[in-house]
Amino acid sequence: MKKRELEELVDEEAAASEANRDQPLSDSAVRRGQSRSVVYSVRLTPEQTEEIQRIAEEAGIPASALVRDWVVEGLAAERGTGTLGSLVDTLARDVDKIRRSISRREAS
């Protein structure tokens, strides 16, 4: 498939997706792997996605992994089932955030 054909296909799919964005996904639209994971689509502003990407780049991880970690941590916090290891990981990430914030302030 040529680049132009691929771009046209992506544009068509994006338009179809936007036209049906409020419709529920069909069972055939949800891929189920061995872990039976489900993909959620979340609408964010360009500024929010840029900020997520920046944070992920600073942390050296993919943005999707960062957001997934945030969701999993939030669920554990809601259930009160966080393990000691996950609490230590959360604390380490919080310390890294504080360090980045201090570095940005000092650079300004």
Protein backbone atom coordinates (compact mmCIF):
# COMPACT_ATOMS: atom_id res chain seq x y z
CA MET A 1 0.00 0.00 0.00
CA LYS A 2 1.38 3.38 -0.98
CA LYS A 3 1.81 6.17 1.53
CA ARG A 4 -0.99 8.26 0.01
CA GLU A 5 -3.40 5.31 0.04
CA LEU A 6 -2.54 4.64 3.68
CA GLU A 7 -3.09 8.30 4.59
CA GLU A 8 -6.48 8.28 2.84
CA LEU A 9 -7.48 5.09 4.67
CA VAL A 10 -6.46 6.60 8.01
CA ASP A 11 -8.42 9.78 7.23
CA GLU A 12 -11.50 7.74 6.31
CA GLU A 13 -11.28 5.66 9.47
CA ALA A 14 -10.78 8.75 11.62
CA ALA A 15 -13.85 10.40 10.06
CA ALA A 16 -15.94 7.25 10.58
CA SER A 17 -14.73 7.00 14.17
CA GLU A 18 -15.64 10.61 14.91
CA ALA A 19 -19.06 10.20 13.25
CA ASN A 20 -19.82 7.29 15.59
CA ARG A 21 -17.94 8.40 18.67
CA ASP A 22 -20.97 8.24 20.96
CA GLN A 23 -22.00 4.76 19.85
CA PRO A 24 -21.03 1.81 22.07
CA LEU A 25 -18.36 -0.52 20.73
CA SER A 26 -19.56 -3.81 19.35
CA ASP A 27 -18.24 -7.04 20.85
CA SER A 28 -16.29 -7.64 17.65
CA ALA A 29 -14.49 -4.29 18.07
CA VAL A 30 -12.88 -5.31 21.34
CA ARG A 31 -9.72 -7.36 20.89
CA ARG A 32 -9.25 -9.95 23.52
CA GLY A 33 -5.79 -11.27 24.10
CA GLN A 34 -4.74 -13.87 26.57
CA SER A 35 -4.97 -11.32 29.38
CA ARG A 36 -8.42 -10.21 28.22
CA SER A 37 -7.41 -6.56 28.38
CA VAL A 38 -9.73 -3.87 27.05
CA VAL A 39 -8.74 -0.62 25.41
CA TYR A 40 -10.46 2.55 26.65
CA SER A 41 -10.58 5.66 24.55
CA VAL A 42 -10.31 8.90 26.51
CA ARG A 43 -10.74 12.39 25.09
CA LEU A 44 -8.11 14.85 26.24
CA THR A 45 -7.18 18.32 25.11
CA PRO A 46 -4.05 18.79 23.02
CA GLU A 47 -2.46 20.52 26.00
CA GLN A 48 -3.17 17.54 28.24
CA THR A 49 -1.77 15.05 25.74
CA GLU A 50 1.34 17.20 25.27
CA GLU A 51 1.83 17.31 29.03
CA ILE A 52 1.40 13.54 29.32
CA GLN A 53 3.91 13.03 26.50
CA ARG A 54 6.39 15.39 28.17
CA ILE A 55 6.09 13.62 31.52
CA ALA A 56 6.47 10.22 29.86
CA GLU A 57 9.56 11.37 27.95
CA GLU A 58 11.11 12.72 31.16
CA ALA A 59 10.39 9.39 32.83
CA GLY A 60 11.74 7.46 29.83
CA ILE A 61 8.58 5.41 29.31
CA PRO A 62 5.84 5.32 26.66
CA ALA A 63 2.92 7.66 27.31
CA SER A 64 0.47 4.74 27.23
CA ALA A 65 2.43 2.98 29.99
CA LEU A 66 2.40 6.15 32.08
CA VAL A 67 -1.35 6.60 31.77
CA ARG A 68 -1.97 2.87 32.42
CA ASP A 69 0.16 3.11 35.58
CA TRP A 70 -1.88 6.10 36.75
CA VAL A 71 -5.13 4.21 36.23
CA VAL A 72 -3.89 1.05 37.96
CA GLU A 73 -2.57 3.11 40.90
CA GLY A 74 -5.88 4.94 41.17
CA LEU A 75 -7.80 1.66 41.21
CA ALA A 76 -5.53 0.22 43.90
CA ALA A 77 -5.96 3.38 45.97
CA GLU A 78 -9.74 3.19 45.63
CA ARG A 79 -9.75 -0.44 46.74
CA GLY A 80 -7.14 0.12 49.41
CA THR A 81 -5.24 -2.89 48.06
CA GLY A 82 -1.93 -1.34 47.10
CA THR A 83 1.01 -3.61 47.84
CA LEU A 84 4.09 -2.36 49.64
CA GLY A 85 5.98 -2.55 46.36
CA SER A 86 3.37 -0.45 44.54
CA LEU A 87 3.40 2.08 47.37
CA VAL A 88 7.19 2.33 47.14
CA ASP A 89 6.93 2.74 43.34
CA THR A 90 4.36 5.51 43.81
CA LEU A 91 6.56 7.23 46.37
CA ALA A 92 9.59 6.99 44.05
CA ARG A 93 7.59 8.52 41.18
CA ASP A 94 6.37 11.29 43.48
CA VAL A 95 9.94 12.05 44.54
CA ASP A 96 10.97 12.17 40.85
CA LYS A 97 8.11 14.60 40.17
CA ILE A 98 9.27 16.84 43.00
CA ARG A 99 12.85 16.74 41.69
CA ARG A 100 11.69 17.68 38.17
CA SER A 101 9.57 20.49 39.58
CA ILE A 102 12.50 21.85 41.58
CA SER A 103 14.78 21.62 38.53
CA ARG A 104 12.28 23.54 36.39
CA ARG A 105 11.94 26.26 39.05
CA GLU A 106 15.69 26.58 39.40
CA ALA A 107 16.08 26.80 35.62
CA SER A 108 13.53 29.64 35.40
